[in-house]
Amino acid sequence: MASLQHSARIPVRAFGEREAPIRDAAALLASLRHLAEPDVIGHETPPTDALPSLTLDAAYQHCVEMTRVNSRSFHFSSQLLPREKRLAVRALYAFCRTSDDTVDRASDDPARALANWVARVHALRPPADHPVLLAWDDTVRRYAIPRALVDELLAGIAMDLTVHRYETFDDLWLYCYRVASVVGLLSMHIIGYRDGAAPYAVKLGVALQLTNILRDVGEDARRGRIYLPQEDLRRFGLTDDDILQGRRDDRFRALMRFEMERAHALYDESWPGIALLDPDGRMAIAAAAEIYRGILPRIVANDYDVFQKRAYVSLTGKIAILWRTYRKLNRLIKESR
């Protein structure tokens, strides 16, 4: 991986020096296996003819609707992809969303709920009545998506079961890699790419997840989670209690500016990787990145109130970003020739 040059004000190690321990993901998921109910483990998924079956078209349409309802920004940017790739990335979104909700929305035992979900994902064939798994299984086979990467994503979600604090940004990096960078790597298999694209996808994923963390500080605090690194809280004289109680003072604003600088640096450094994607997917990924990046100035416009307000980019703002992105992408392509 190419190294990542950071602002001197952000003392973090280059991403090229980090390696994700892939084998750890398999071990983490294996540790959940004993919690899964017997009828959902491996080949014991009920036979297809025992369940009311869905057509593949209906399964994909369900994923399209999930994307439209839950992520207007991603739905907007993915419209720029050719139809087959558009359906596939929306199946990916629906899979990621369902996986995440398995833990976040579990009523009593999130570990068991995730164990059951992992068992269904690992089954030899998807349940005939589950639209997300039907569409996702078809996407995985159609685009030869590595299952080890899927396990990395699931391992990131499993981290939310036990890890509610991160001491350093290096510690947070693994979580960001698993739940966001891996999504970028999965997307690359759908969109198509040239050699050298992966390090940029990793950087973009961390930027996107850090943006997500900054937007959702209040929501996560209400769940008892603090993703902002503990070392960064101490740097600005803050404690867990300040975050959990929603104290928005000058210390907190300074922390948010620090983390935003880190995110902006990552967005900038990931940008050249767009040129390494297949031409028919470049604009969609560029738009997705720039629109999500647009959340950061909205946080600033809200005076860093991420406890009571949810920052978002309006439709008008998305259209304006889309036009700027088109011109920015054209410059990139010309410079990369």
Protein backbone atom coordinates (compact mmCIF):
# COMPACT_ATOMS: atom_id res chain seq x y z
CA MET A 1 0.00 0.00 0.00
CA ALA A 2 1.09 3.52 -0.70
CA SER A 3 1.79 5.61 2.35
CA LEU A 4 -0.57 8.36 3.44
CA GLN A 5 0.84 11.81 4.12
CA HIS A 6 -1.04 13.56 6.92
CA SER A 7 -1.14 17.15 8.08
CA ALA A 8 1.59 17.84 10.62
CA ARG A 9 -1.17 18.72 13.05
CA ILE A 10 -2.55 15.18 12.89
CA PRO A 11 0.07 12.87 14.38
CA VAL A 12 -1.14 9.52 13.09
CA ARG A 13 0.83 6.75 11.45
CA ALA A 14 0.60 6.31 7.67
CA PHE A 15 -2.14 3.94 6.58
CA GLY A 16 0.32 2.10 4.41
CA GLU A 17 1.93 0.81 7.61
CA ARG A 18 -1.30 -0.73 8.85
CA GLU A 19 -2.38 -4.23 7.92
CA ALA A 20 -5.79 -5.66 8.75
CA PRO A 21 -5.46 -9.08 10.45
CA ILE A 22 -7.85 -11.01 8.18
CA ARG A 23 -7.48 -14.27 10.08
CA ASP A 24 -8.69 -12.51 13.22
CA ALA A 25 -12.03 -11.86 11.51
CA ALA A 26 -12.61 -15.57 10.91
CA ALA A 27 -11.69 -16.34 14.52
CA LEU A 28 -14.01 -13.66 15.84
CA LEU A 29 -16.95 -14.98 13.84
CA ALA A 30 -16.15 -18.56 14.81
CA SER A 31 -16.43 -17.54 18.45
CA LEU A 32 -20.10 -16.66 17.82
CA ARG A 33 -20.97 -19.98 16.22
CA HIS A 34 -21.99 -21.70 19.45
CA LEU A 35 -24.68 -19.05 19.99
CA ALA A 36 -26.46 -19.71 16.70
CA GLU A 37 -29.66 -21.70 16.69
CA PRO A 38 -29.13 -25.17 15.16
CA ASP A 39 -31.60 -24.72 12.29
CA VAL A 40 -29.69 -21.79 10.81
CA ILE A 41 -26.16 -23.23 10.88
CA GLY A 42 -24.52 -24.05 7.57
CA HIS A 43 -26.30 -26.51 5.35
CA GLU A 44 -29.19 -26.82 7.76
CA THR A 45 -30.96 -23.85 6.15
CA PRO A 46 -34.45 -25.11 5.25
CA PRO A 47 -34.79 -26.48 1.71
CA THR A 48 -35.85 -23.95 -0.88
CA ASP A 49 -39.14 -25.72 -1.61
CA ALA A 50 -40.10 -25.55 2.09
CA LEU A 51 -40.39 -21.75 2.02
CA PRO A 52 -42.48 -19.30 0.01
CA SER A 53 -39.98 -18.28 -2.65
CA LEU A 54 -39.25 -14.81 -3.99
CA THR A 55 -38.14 -14.03 -7.50
CA LEU A 56 -34.68 -12.59 -7.89
CA ASP A 57 -36.17 -9.45 -9.42
CA ALA A 58 -38.38 -8.98 -6.36
CA ALA A 59 -35.40 -9.51 -4.07
CA TYR A 60 -33.37 -6.84 -5.85
CA GLN A 61 -36.32 -4.46 -5.84
CA HIS A 62 -36.57 -4.87 -2.07
CA CYS A 63 -32.91 -3.81 -1.82
CA VAL A 64 -33.58 -0.80 -4.05
CA GLU A 65 -36.39 0.28 -1.74
CA MET A 66 -34.25 -0.25 1.37
CA THR A 67 -31.59 2.00 -0.13
CA ARG A 68 -34.10 4.68 -1.10
CA VAL A 69 -35.68 4.78 2.37
CA ASN A 70 -32.54 4.51 4.50
CA SER A 71 -29.84 6.34 2.53
CA ARG A 72 -31.03 9.07 0.23
CA SER A 73 -27.43 10.12 -0.46
CA PHE A 74 -26.32 6.67 -1.58
CA HIS A 75 -29.53 6.14 -3.55
CA PHE A 76 -28.90 9.47 -5.29
CA SER A 77 -25.27 8.75 -6.23
CA SER A 78 -25.85 5.11 -7.21
CA GLN A 79 -28.35 6.31 -9.84
CA LEU A 80 -25.27 7.20 -11.89
CA LEU A 81 -24.26 3.53 -12.33
CA PRO A 82 -25.35 1.25 -15.18
CA ARG A 83 -28.42 -0.79 -14.24
CA GLU A 84 -26.72 -4.11 -13.37
CA LYS A 85 -24.02 -2.48 -11.26
CA ARG A 86 -26.62 -0.19 -9.67
CA LEU A 87 -28.72 -3.17 -8.57
CA ALA A 88 -25.63 -4.94 -7.24
CA VAL A 89 -24.39 -2.02 -5.12
CA ARG A 90 -27.87 -1.57 -3.70
CA ALA A 91 -27.88 -5.24 -2.76
CA LEU A 92 -24.55 -4.56 -1.05
CA TYR A 93 -26.06 -1.59 0.79
CA ALA A 94 -29.06 -3.66 1.89
CA PHE A 95 -26.76 -6.43 3.11
CA CYS A 96 -24.62 -3.99 5.09
CA ARG A 97 -27.67 -2.25 6.53
CA THR A 98 -29.35 -5.50 7.56
CA SER A 99 -26.13 -6.78 9.10
CA ASP A 100 -25.70 -3.57 11.11
CA ASP A 101 -29.34 -3.50 12.22
CA THR A 102 -29.02 -7.08 13.45
CA VAL A 103 -26.96 -5.77 16.37
CA ASP A 104 -28.36 -2.27 16.75
CA ARG A 105 -32.01 -3.34 16.76
CA ALA A 106 -31.77 -6.64 18.62
CA SER A 107 -34.40 -6.65 21.36
CA ASP A 108 -32.66 -8.84 23.93
CA ASP A 109 -29.54 -10.75 22.83
CA PRO A 110 -27.61 -8.98 20.04
CA ALA A 111 -24.79 -11.55 20.13
CA ARG A 112 -27.20 -14.40 19.41
CA ALA A 113 -28.96 -12.33 16.76
CA LEU A 114 -25.64 -11.68 15.01
CA ALA A 115 -24.62 -15.33 15.36
CA ASN A 116 -27.83 -16.40 13.62
CA TRP A 117 -27.31 -13.82 10.88
CA VAL A 118 -23.70 -14.92 10.28
CA ALA A 119 -24.88 -18.53 10.06
CA ARG A 120 -27.44 -17.56 7.43
CA VAL A 121 -24.83 -15.61 5.47
CA HIS A 122 -22.50 -18.62 5.59
CA ALA A 123 -25.21 -21.11 4.59
CA LEU A 124 -24.71 -23.05 1.37
CA ARG A 125 -27.75 -21.35 -0.12
CA PRO A 126 -29.80 -18.34 0.95
CA PRO A 127 -33.28 -18.68 2.46
CA ALA A 128 -35.83 -18.52 -0.35
CA ASP A 129 -37.95 -16.03 1.59
CA HIS A 130 -35.18 -13.54 2.49
CA PRO A 131 -34.89 -10.86 -0.22
CA VAL A 132 -31.64 -9.31 1.01
CA LEU A 133 -29.78 -12.61 1.22
CA LEU A 134 -31.19 -13.77 -2.13
CA ALA A 135 -30.02 -10.63 -3.90
CA TRP A 136 -26.71 -10.56 -2.03
CA ASP A 137 -25.94 -14.21 -2.80
CA ASP A 138 -26.57 -13.53 -6.49
CA THR A 139 -24.32 -10.46 -6.37
CA VAL A 140 -21.50 -12.37 -4.63
CA ARG A 141 -21.60 -15.10 -7.28
CA ARG A 142 -22.05 -12.75 -10.24
CA TYR A 143 -19.09 -10.54 -9.31
CA ALA A 144 -16.86 -13.18 -7.67
CA ILE A 145 -16.78 -11.25 -4.41
CA PRO A 146 -14.24 -12.73 -1.94
CA ARG A 147 -16.05 -14.20 1.04
CA ALA A 148 -13.10 -13.34 3.29
CA LEU A 149 -13.94 -9.67 2.73
CA VAL A 150 -17.56 -10.32 3.70
CA ASP A 151 -16.32 -11.88 6.93
CA GLU A 152 -14.22 -8.76 7.60
CA LEU A 153 -17.38 -6.66 7.41
CA LEU A 154 -19.26 -9.00 9.74
CA ALA A 155 -16.32 -8.98 12.17
CA GLY A 156 -16.51 -5.19 12.29
CA ILE A 157 -20.15 -5.40 13.28
CA ALA A 158 -19.25 -8.02 15.89
CA MET A 159 -16.82 -5.52 17.42
CA ASP A 160 -19.83 -3.40 18.42
CA LEU A 161 -20.91 -6.21 20.75
CA THR A 162 -17.96 -5.74 23.09
CA VAL A 163 -15.93 -2.67 22.10
CA HIS A 164 -17.53 0.63 23.13
CA ARG A 165 -14.36 2.71 23.46
CA TYR A 166 -11.19 3.15 21.36
CA GLU A 167 -8.02 4.34 23.04
CA THR A 168 -6.20 5.59 19.95
CA PHE A 169 -6.96 6.38 16.34
CA ASP A 170 -4.89 3.34 15.41
CA ASP A 171 -7.35 1.24 17.43
CA LEU A 172 -10.32 2.91 15.73
CA TRP A 173 -8.75 2.33 12.32
CA LEU A 174 -9.41 -1.42 12.39
CA TYR A 175 -13.09 -0.82 13.11
CA CYS A 176 -13.31 1.78 10.31
CA TYR A 177 -11.50 -0.58 7.96
CA ARG A 178 -13.88 -3.42 8.65
CA VAL A 179 -17.20 -1.58 8.55
CA ALA A 180 -16.40 0.97 5.82
CA SER A 181 -13.16 0.37 3.92
CA VAL A 182 -14.21 -3.22 3.31
CA VAL A 183 -17.46 -1.93 1.80
CA GLY A 184 -15.32 0.07 -0.63
CA LEU A 185 -13.27 -3.01 -1.48
CA LEU A 186 -16.47 -5.00 -2.04
CA SER A 187 -17.82 -2.21 -4.24
CA MET A 188 -14.66 -2.30 -6.35
CA HIS A 189 -15.44 -5.89 -7.35
CA ILE A 190 -18.82 -4.73 -8.64
CA ILE A 191 -17.66 -1.53 -10.34
CA GLY A 192 -14.37 -2.82 -11.75
CA TYR A 193 -10.90 -1.42 -11.08
CA ARG A 194 -7.24 -1.39 -12.05
CA ASP A 195 -4.26 -2.43 -9.96
CA GLY A 196 -3.42 0.06 -7.23
CA ALA A 197 -6.99 1.10 -6.43
CA ALA A 198 -7.29 -0.78 -3.11
CA PRO A 199 -5.22 1.57 -0.88
CA TYR A 200 -7.33 4.51 -2.01
CA ALA A 201 -10.52 2.60 -1.27
CA VAL A 202 -9.24 1.93 2.24
CA LYS A 203 -8.53 5.62 2.80
CA LEU A 204 -11.94 6.66 1.47
CA GLY A 205 -13.67 4.10 3.69
CA VAL A 206 -12.00 5.46 6.81
CA ALA A 207 -12.93 9.02 5.77
CA LEU A 208 -16.57 8.02 5.28
CA GLN A 209 -16.75 6.17 8.59
CA LEU A 210 -15.10 9.03 10.45
CA THR A 211 -17.71 11.38 8.93
CA ASN A 212 -20.39 8.97 10.09
CA ILE A 213 -18.91 8.92 13.61
CA LEU A 214 -18.80 12.72 13.80
CA ARG A 215 -22.38 13.09 12.57
CA ASP A 216 -23.69 10.46 15.00
CA VAL A 217 -21.83 11.39 18.21
CA GLY A 218 -25.10 12.08 20.03
CA GLU A 219 -26.94 9.03 18.72
CA ASP A 220 -24.05 6.74 19.65
CA ALA A 221 -23.74 8.36 23.10
CA ARG A 222 -27.37 7.49 23.78
CA ARG A 223 -26.39 3.86 23.16
CA GLY A 224 -23.45 4.22 25.55
CA ARG A 225 -20.90 4.20 22.73
CA ILE A 226 -18.08 6.66 22.15
CA TYR A 227 -16.12 6.11 18.95
CA LEU A 228 -13.99 9.25 19.23
CA PRO A 229 -10.54 8.10 20.39
CA GLN A 230 -9.90 8.48 24.11
CA GLU A 231 -6.50 10.03 23.44
CA ASP A 232 -8.22 12.75 21.41
CA LEU A 233 -10.71 13.48 24.18
CA ARG A 234 -7.84 13.91 26.63
CA ARG A 235 -5.97 16.12 24.16
CA PHE A 236 -8.84 18.62 24.38
CA GLY A 237 -9.57 18.18 28.09
CA LEU A 238 -12.75 16.14 27.61
CA THR A 239 -14.03 13.01 29.36
CA ASP A 240 -16.51 10.29 28.51
CA ASP A 241 -19.04 12.04 30.72
CA ASP A 242 -18.79 15.21 28.62
CA ILE A 243 -19.78 13.23 25.53
CA LEU A 244 -22.46 11.15 27.23
CA GLN A 245 -24.02 14.29 28.73
CA GLY A 246 -23.88 16.14 25.41
CA ARG A 247 -21.71 19.05 26.57
CA ARG A 248 -21.05 21.25 23.53
CA ASP A 249 -18.45 23.78 24.58
CA ASP A 250 -15.26 25.21 23.09
CA ARG A 251 -13.32 22.08 24.01
CA PHE A 252 -15.78 19.91 22.11
CA ARG A 253 -15.76 22.25 19.10
CA ALA A 254 -11.96 22.08 19.01
CA LEU A 255 -12.09 18.27 19.11
CA MET A 256 -14.58 18.20 16.25
CA ARG A 257 -12.42 20.54 14.16
CA PHE A 258 -9.42 18.28 14.79
CA GLU A 259 -11.30 15.16 13.67
CA MET A 260 -12.72 16.98 10.65
CA GLU A 261 -9.24 17.96 9.54
CA ARG A 262 -8.30 14.30 9.73
CA ALA A 263 -11.36 13.34 7.67
CA HIS A 264 -10.73 16.02 5.03
CA ALA A 265 -7.12 14.85 4.68
CA LEU A 266 -8.33 11.32 4.06
CA TYR A 267 -10.86 12.44 1.45
CA ASP A 268 -8.15 14.41 -0.37
CA GLU A 269 -5.70 11.51 -0.32
CA SER A 270 -8.29 8.98 -1.52
CA TRP A 271 -9.37 11.10 -4.48
CA PRO A 272 -6.74 9.92 -7.06
CA GLY A 273 -8.06 6.37 -6.68
CA ILE A 274 -11.26 7.32 -8.49
CA ALA A 275 -9.28 7.37 -11.74
CA LEU A 276 -8.40 3.68 -11.20
CA LEU A 277 -12.05 2.58 -11.31
CA ASP A 278 -13.84 1.48 -14.47
CA PRO A 279 -15.08 4.57 -16.33
CA ASP A 280 -18.79 3.79 -15.94
CA GLY A 281 -18.44 3.75 -12.14
CA ARG A 282 -16.21 6.74 -11.50
CA MET A 283 -18.85 9.44 -11.29
CA ALA A 284 -21.05 7.44 -8.93
CA ILE A 285 -18.23 6.82 -6.46
CA ALA A 286 -16.92 10.37 -6.77
CA ALA A 287 -20.41 11.74 -6.13
CA ALA A 288 -20.97 9.43 -3.16
CA ALA A 289 -17.70 10.55 -1.59
CA GLU A 290 -18.20 14.26 -2.19
CA ILE A 291 -21.84 14.26 -1.04
CA TYR A 292 -20.94 12.43 2.17
CA ARG A 293 -18.02 14.79 2.67
CA GLY A 294 -20.60 17.56 2.41
CA ILE A 295 -21.95 16.48 5.81
CA LEU A 296 -18.89 17.97 7.50
CA PRO A 297 -19.60 21.63 6.67
CA ARG A 298 -23.22 21.03 7.68
CA ILE A 299 -21.99 20.02 11.14
CA VAL A 300 -20.05 23.28 11.30
CA ALA A 301 -23.14 25.21 10.14
CA ASN A 302 -25.04 23.62 13.05
CA ASP A 303 -22.34 24.96 15.41
CA TYR A 304 -21.17 21.38 16.04
CA ASP A 305 -24.50 20.39 17.59
CA VAL A 306 -24.36 16.67 16.87
CA PHE A 307 -26.31 15.93 20.04
CA GLN A 308 -29.66 17.44 19.05
CA LYS A 309 -29.34 17.94 15.28
CA ARG A 310 -28.54 15.51 12.48
CA ALA A 311 -26.41 17.05 9.76
CA TYR A 312 -27.38 16.22 6.19
CA VAL A 313 -27.00 17.51 2.65
CA SER A 314 -30.22 18.79 1.06
CA LEU A 315 -31.30 17.79 -2.45
CA THR A 316 -30.31 21.22 -3.71
CA GLY A 317 -26.94 20.80 -2.04
CA LYS A 318 -26.48 17.37 -3.63
CA ILE A 319 -27.18 18.75 -7.09
CA ALA A 320 -24.64 21.54 -6.56
CA ILE A 321 -22.06 19.03 -5.31
CA LEU A 322 -22.80 16.80 -8.29
CA TRP A 323 -21.92 19.57 -10.74
CA ARG A 324 -18.70 20.46 -8.88
CA THR A 325 -17.78 16.78 -8.71
CA TYR A 326 -18.27 16.35 -12.45
CA ARG A 327 -15.79 19.13 -13.16
CA LYS A 328 -13.36 17.93 -10.47
CA LEU A 329 -13.46 14.39 -11.87
CA ASN A 330 -12.81 15.59 -15.40
CA ARG A 331 -9.69 17.39 -14.18
CA LEU A 332 -8.52 14.25 -12.40
CA ILE A 333 -8.95 12.08 -15.48
CA LYS A 334 -7.06 14.55 -17.67
CA GLU A 335 -4.21 14.75 -15.13
CA SER A 336 -3.99 10.95 -14.84
CA ARG A 337 -3.59 10.33 -18.58
